[in-house]
Protein backbone atom coordinates (compact mmCIF):
# COMPACT_ATOMS: atom_id res chain seq x y z
CA MET A 1 -15.03 -23.52 -25.81
CA ALA A 2 -15.00 -22.07 -22.29
CA GLU A 3 -18.20 -21.43 -20.37
CA ALA A 4 -20.10 -18.23 -21.19
CA ARG A 5 -20.83 -17.21 -17.61
CA TYR A 6 -22.36 -13.85 -18.55
CA ASP A 7 -25.13 -15.24 -20.73
CA GLY A 8 -28.45 -14.09 -19.29
CA LEU A 9 -26.85 -11.13 -17.50
CA ALA A 10 -26.05 -8.81 -20.40
CA ASP A 11 -28.78 -6.22 -19.91
CA TRP A 12 -28.17 -6.01 -16.16
CA TYR A 13 -24.40 -5.85 -16.63
CA ASP A 14 -24.66 -3.17 -19.31
CA GLY A 15 -26.80 -0.97 -17.11
CA VAL A 16 -24.61 -1.29 -14.03
CA PHE A 17 -21.04 -1.56 -15.31
CA ALA A 18 -20.70 -0.49 -18.94
CA GLY A 19 -21.02 3.27 -18.68
CA PRO A 20 -18.29 5.87 -19.14
CA GLY A 21 -15.89 6.55 -16.31
CA PRO A 22 -12.27 6.53 -15.18
CA ALA A 23 -11.60 2.99 -16.43
CA ARG A 24 -12.57 3.78 -20.00
CA GLU A 25 -10.85 7.16 -19.96
CA THR A 26 -7.65 5.62 -18.65
CA VAL A 27 -7.57 3.02 -21.40
CA LEU A 28 -8.29 5.62 -24.08
CA ARG A 29 -5.46 7.81 -22.81
CA LEU A 30 -2.91 5.01 -22.53
CA LEU A 31 -3.82 3.63 -25.95
CA GLY A 32 -3.94 6.90 -27.86
CA ASP A 33 -5.82 7.60 -31.07
CA GLY A 34 -5.95 5.51 -34.24
CA PRO A 35 -5.90 4.83 -37.09
CA GLY A 36 -5.17 1.14 -37.14
CA THR A 37 -6.78 -2.20 -36.46
CA LEU A 38 -7.59 -2.80 -32.80
CA LEU A 39 -8.68 -5.96 -31.00
CA ASP A 40 -10.87 -5.67 -27.90
CA VAL A 41 -10.53 -8.95 -25.99
CA GLY A 42 -13.54 -9.58 -23.77
CA CYS A 43 -15.47 -6.71 -25.32
CA GLY A 44 -18.70 -7.61 -23.52
CA THR A 45 -21.58 -5.38 -24.55
CA GLY A 46 -19.34 -3.19 -26.70
CA ALA A 47 -19.83 0.06 -24.76
CA HIS A 48 -16.08 0.61 -24.40
CA THR A 49 -15.37 -0.75 -27.87
CA VAL A 50 -17.48 1.98 -29.44
CA ALA A 51 -15.43 4.61 -27.61
CA MET A 52 -12.25 3.20 -29.15
CA ALA A 53 -13.80 3.36 -32.61
CA GLU A 54 -14.68 7.00 -32.01
CA ARG A 55 -10.94 7.64 -31.55
CA GLY A 56 -10.15 6.46 -35.07
CA TRP A 57 -9.50 2.76 -34.52
CA SER A 58 -11.01 0.02 -36.67
CA VAL A 59 -12.09 -2.24 -33.83
CA THR A 60 -12.96 -5.93 -33.68
CA GLY A 61 -14.52 -7.11 -30.43
CA VAL A 62 -14.19 -10.68 -29.14
CA ASP A 63 -16.24 -12.24 -26.38
CA ILE A 64 -17.51 -15.68 -25.48
CA SER A 65 -20.97 -14.56 -24.38
CA ASP A 66 -23.61 -14.45 -27.12
CA ASP A 67 -25.83 -12.47 -24.78
CA GLN A 68 -23.18 -9.77 -24.32
CA LEU A 69 -22.39 -9.73 -28.04
CA ARG A 70 -26.07 -9.18 -28.79
CA LEU A 71 -25.79 -5.71 -27.27
CA ALA A 72 -22.42 -5.08 -28.91
CA ARG A 73 -23.96 -5.80 -32.32
CA ASP A 74 -26.81 -3.43 -31.50
CA ARG A 75 -24.14 -0.76 -30.98
CA GLY A 76 -22.72 -1.47 -34.43
CA VAL A 77 -19.56 -3.19 -33.20
CA ASP A 78 -17.82 -5.70 -35.46
CA VAL A 79 -17.72 -8.75 -33.19
CA VAL A 80 -16.59 -12.36 -33.20
CA ARG A 81 -17.70 -14.96 -30.69
CA ALA A 82 -14.58 -16.74 -29.52
CA ASP A 83 -12.67 -18.00 -26.51
CA ALA A 84 -9.82 -15.63 -25.59
CA ALA A 85 -7.57 -18.68 -25.27
CA VAL A 86 -8.11 -19.59 -28.96
CA LEU A 87 -8.40 -16.36 -30.94
CA PRO A 88 -9.60 -17.01 -34.52
CA PHE A 89 -7.14 -14.63 -36.17
CA GLU A 90 -3.89 -14.91 -38.08
CA ASP A 91 -0.54 -14.05 -36.57
CA ALA A 92 0.41 -10.35 -36.52
CA GLN A 93 -3.02 -9.22 -37.72
CA PHE A 94 -3.69 -6.23 -35.42
CA ASP A 95 -2.02 -2.85 -34.83
CA GLY A 96 -3.08 -2.76 -31.19
CA ALA A 97 -5.18 -4.46 -28.52
CA ILE A 98 -7.04 -3.66 -25.33
CA SER A 99 -8.68 -5.78 -22.68
CA MET A 100 -10.67 -4.64 -19.66
CA TRP A 101 -11.70 -6.56 -16.54
CA THR A 102 -10.90 -9.96 -18.05
CA HIS A 103 -8.24 -11.58 -15.85
CA THR A 104 -10.86 -12.15 -13.16
CA ASP A 105 -13.10 -13.99 -15.65
CA VAL A 106 -10.86 -16.17 -17.81
CA ASP A 107 -9.65 -19.50 -16.50
CA ALA A 108 -6.19 -19.38 -18.12
CA PHE A 109 -5.05 -15.76 -18.26
CA GLY A 110 -1.54 -16.62 -19.41
CA VAL A 111 -2.89 -18.54 -22.39
CA ALA A 112 -5.11 -15.61 -23.35
CA LEU A 113 -2.14 -13.24 -23.16
CA HIS A 114 -0.14 -15.54 -25.40
CA GLU A 115 -2.92 -15.36 -27.96
CA VAL A 116 -3.03 -11.56 -27.76
CA ALA A 117 0.73 -11.39 -28.34
CA ARG A 118 0.43 -13.78 -31.28
CA VAL A 119 -2.12 -11.70 -33.18
CA LEU A 120 -0.34 -8.37 -32.60
CA ARG A 121 2.17 -6.87 -35.00
CA ALA A 122 5.67 -5.99 -33.78
CA GLN A 123 5.74 -2.85 -31.61
CA ALA A 124 1.95 -2.87 -31.25
CA PRO A 125 0.51 -1.47 -28.00
CA PHE A 126 -1.58 -3.55 -25.62
CA VAL A 127 -3.46 -1.77 -22.84
CA TYR A 128 -4.90 -3.82 -20.01
CA LEU A 129 -7.11 -2.63 -17.16
CA GLY A 130 -8.62 -4.80 -14.49
CA ALA A 131 -9.26 -5.37 -10.82
CA HIS A 132 -6.30 -4.58 -8.57
CA PRO A 133 -5.03 -7.98 -7.35
CA CYS A 134 -3.93 -6.58 -3.99
CA PHE A 135 -7.31 -5.22 -2.98
CA VAL A 136 -9.83 -7.22 -5.02
CA GLY A 137 -9.93 -10.98 -4.59
CA PRO A 138 -10.94 -13.85 -2.32
CA HIS A 139 -8.97 -12.23 0.51
CA SER A 140 -10.44 -8.72 0.44
CA ARG A 141 -13.84 -7.32 1.34
CA TYR A 142 -13.95 -4.03 -0.54
CA VAL A 143 -17.64 -3.35 -1.15
CA HIS A 144 -18.23 -0.96 -4.07
CA ALA A 145 -14.53 0.01 -3.72
CA GLU A 146 -15.48 2.37 -0.89
CA GLY A 147 -13.59 3.02 2.32
CA VAL A 148 -10.71 0.82 3.43
CA PRO A 149 -10.40 -2.80 2.21
CA GLU A 150 -10.85 -5.40 4.93
CA LEU A 151 -8.12 -7.98 4.32
CA HIS A 152 -8.39 -11.69 5.17
CA PRO A 153 -6.29 -14.80 4.52
CA GLY A 154 -6.27 -16.04 0.94
CA TYR A 155 -4.27 -13.46 -1.04
CA ARG A 156 -1.95 -16.14 -2.44
CA GLN A 157 -4.84 -18.38 -3.40
CA THR A 158 -4.97 -18.76 -7.18
CA GLY A 159 -7.73 -19.89 -9.50
CA ARG A 160 -11.48 -19.53 -9.35
CA TYR A 161 -13.42 -18.77 -6.21
CA VAL A 162 -17.17 -18.53 -5.60
CA GLU A 163 -17.24 -17.73 -1.89
CA GLY A 164 -15.24 -15.82 0.69
CA PRO A 165 -14.97 -12.27 2.06
CA GLY A 166 -14.51 -10.89 -1.45
CA ILE A 167 -17.95 -12.09 -2.56
CA THR A 168 -20.75 -9.66 -1.72
CA PRO A 169 -24.49 -10.48 -1.86
CA ASP A 170 -25.34 -7.90 -4.53
CA GLY A 171 -22.13 -7.96 -6.60
CA ILE A 172 -21.21 -9.44 -9.95
CA ARG A 173 -19.01 -12.17 -8.46
CA ILE A 174 -21.80 -13.95 -6.64
CA LYS A 175 -23.42 -14.37 -10.07
CA VAL A 176 -20.42 -15.48 -12.15
CA GLY A 177 -17.59 -16.27 -9.73
CA ALA A 178 -14.09 -14.93 -10.24
CA SER A 179 -10.46 -15.87 -10.79
CA HIS A 180 -7.59 -14.48 -8.75
CA LEU A 181 -3.88 -14.05 -9.35
CA PRO A 182 -1.61 -12.41 -6.77
CA LEU A 183 0.12 -9.30 -8.10
CA GLY A 184 3.45 -11.01 -8.80
CA LEU A 185 1.92 -13.84 -10.82
CA PHE A 186 -0.40 -11.40 -12.58
CA LEU A 187 2.47 -9.21 -13.80
CA GLN A 188 4.67 -12.19 -14.62
CA ALA A 189 1.98 -13.57 -16.92
CA PHE A 190 2.52 -10.60 -19.26
CA LEU A 191 6.30 -10.87 -19.06
CA ASP A 192 6.23 -14.60 -19.76
CA VAL A 193 4.80 -13.99 -23.23
CA GLY A 194 7.27 -11.24 -24.03
CA PHE A 195 5.39 -8.00 -23.46
CA THR A 196 7.41 -4.94 -22.43
CA LEU A 197 5.89 -2.75 -19.74
CA GLU A 198 5.79 0.96 -20.58
CA ARG A 199 3.48 2.39 -17.92
CA ILE A 200 1.54 1.29 -14.87
CA GLU A 201 -1.19 3.29 -13.12
CA GLU A 202 -3.66 2.94 -10.26
CA PRO A 203 -6.49 5.14 -11.61
CA GLU A 204 -8.68 7.42 -9.52
CA GLU A 205 -7.87 9.17 -6.27
CA ARG A 206 -9.40 6.73 -3.81
CA GLU A 207 -7.56 5.99 -0.58
CA TYR A 208 -7.03 2.46 -1.89
CA PRO A 209 -7.16 1.56 -5.61
CA HIS A 210 -9.52 -1.07 -6.93
CA MET A 211 -8.18 -1.18 -10.49
CA LEU A 212 -4.79 -1.42 -12.14
CA ALA A 213 -3.94 -0.17 -15.64
CA LEU A 214 -0.91 -1.25 -17.66
CA ALA A 215 0.43 -0.17 -21.02
CA TRP A 216 2.46 -2.91 -22.69
CA ARG A 217 4.14 -3.23 -26.06
CA ARG A 218 4.81 -6.29 -28.15
CA PRO A 219 8.53 -6.39 -29.03
């Protein structure tokens, strides 16, 4: 099983990053209301998962971090500890799926997407939201997503990175590292497993976006 890099950080992460905001609202809007069975891949502390359940979905959260799942259980979320690359579910088990902020954490994003596609029923929606590959990565200093990104060499660098202009002293990435895919490879990873793109958005009205949201559907 892959490394649980967020163990020991759950309470801090929940207080800083897990509140309501444009990311959650965007995913809720693109997904739509239930009913149905929904898989939240990389559910973390379950704060966003609960919001999906409040919209009528029967949600199962998956994460590799026991520490994160501790808080998700406290919120009443039905959770399973598992690696996103080896989901412990049968084929075509879920009516929909979401995943937020995970492509910068998993080591093999394409494998995880293959697993999501496998466990979804035909025509099921899959909403993904994460860091914008053009402006968040080893090549970009974009502190707190404020102002104008300061770009450096390294945009086409793939894989994990633990240092560089994109790592700030008080950010999450100095604690857990990050993975980067350039925009083309990021989008192609979804297409390679057969997802059909229905909508793409750059949420918020900042001068430069720091997140990218995509609504896909399993054929």
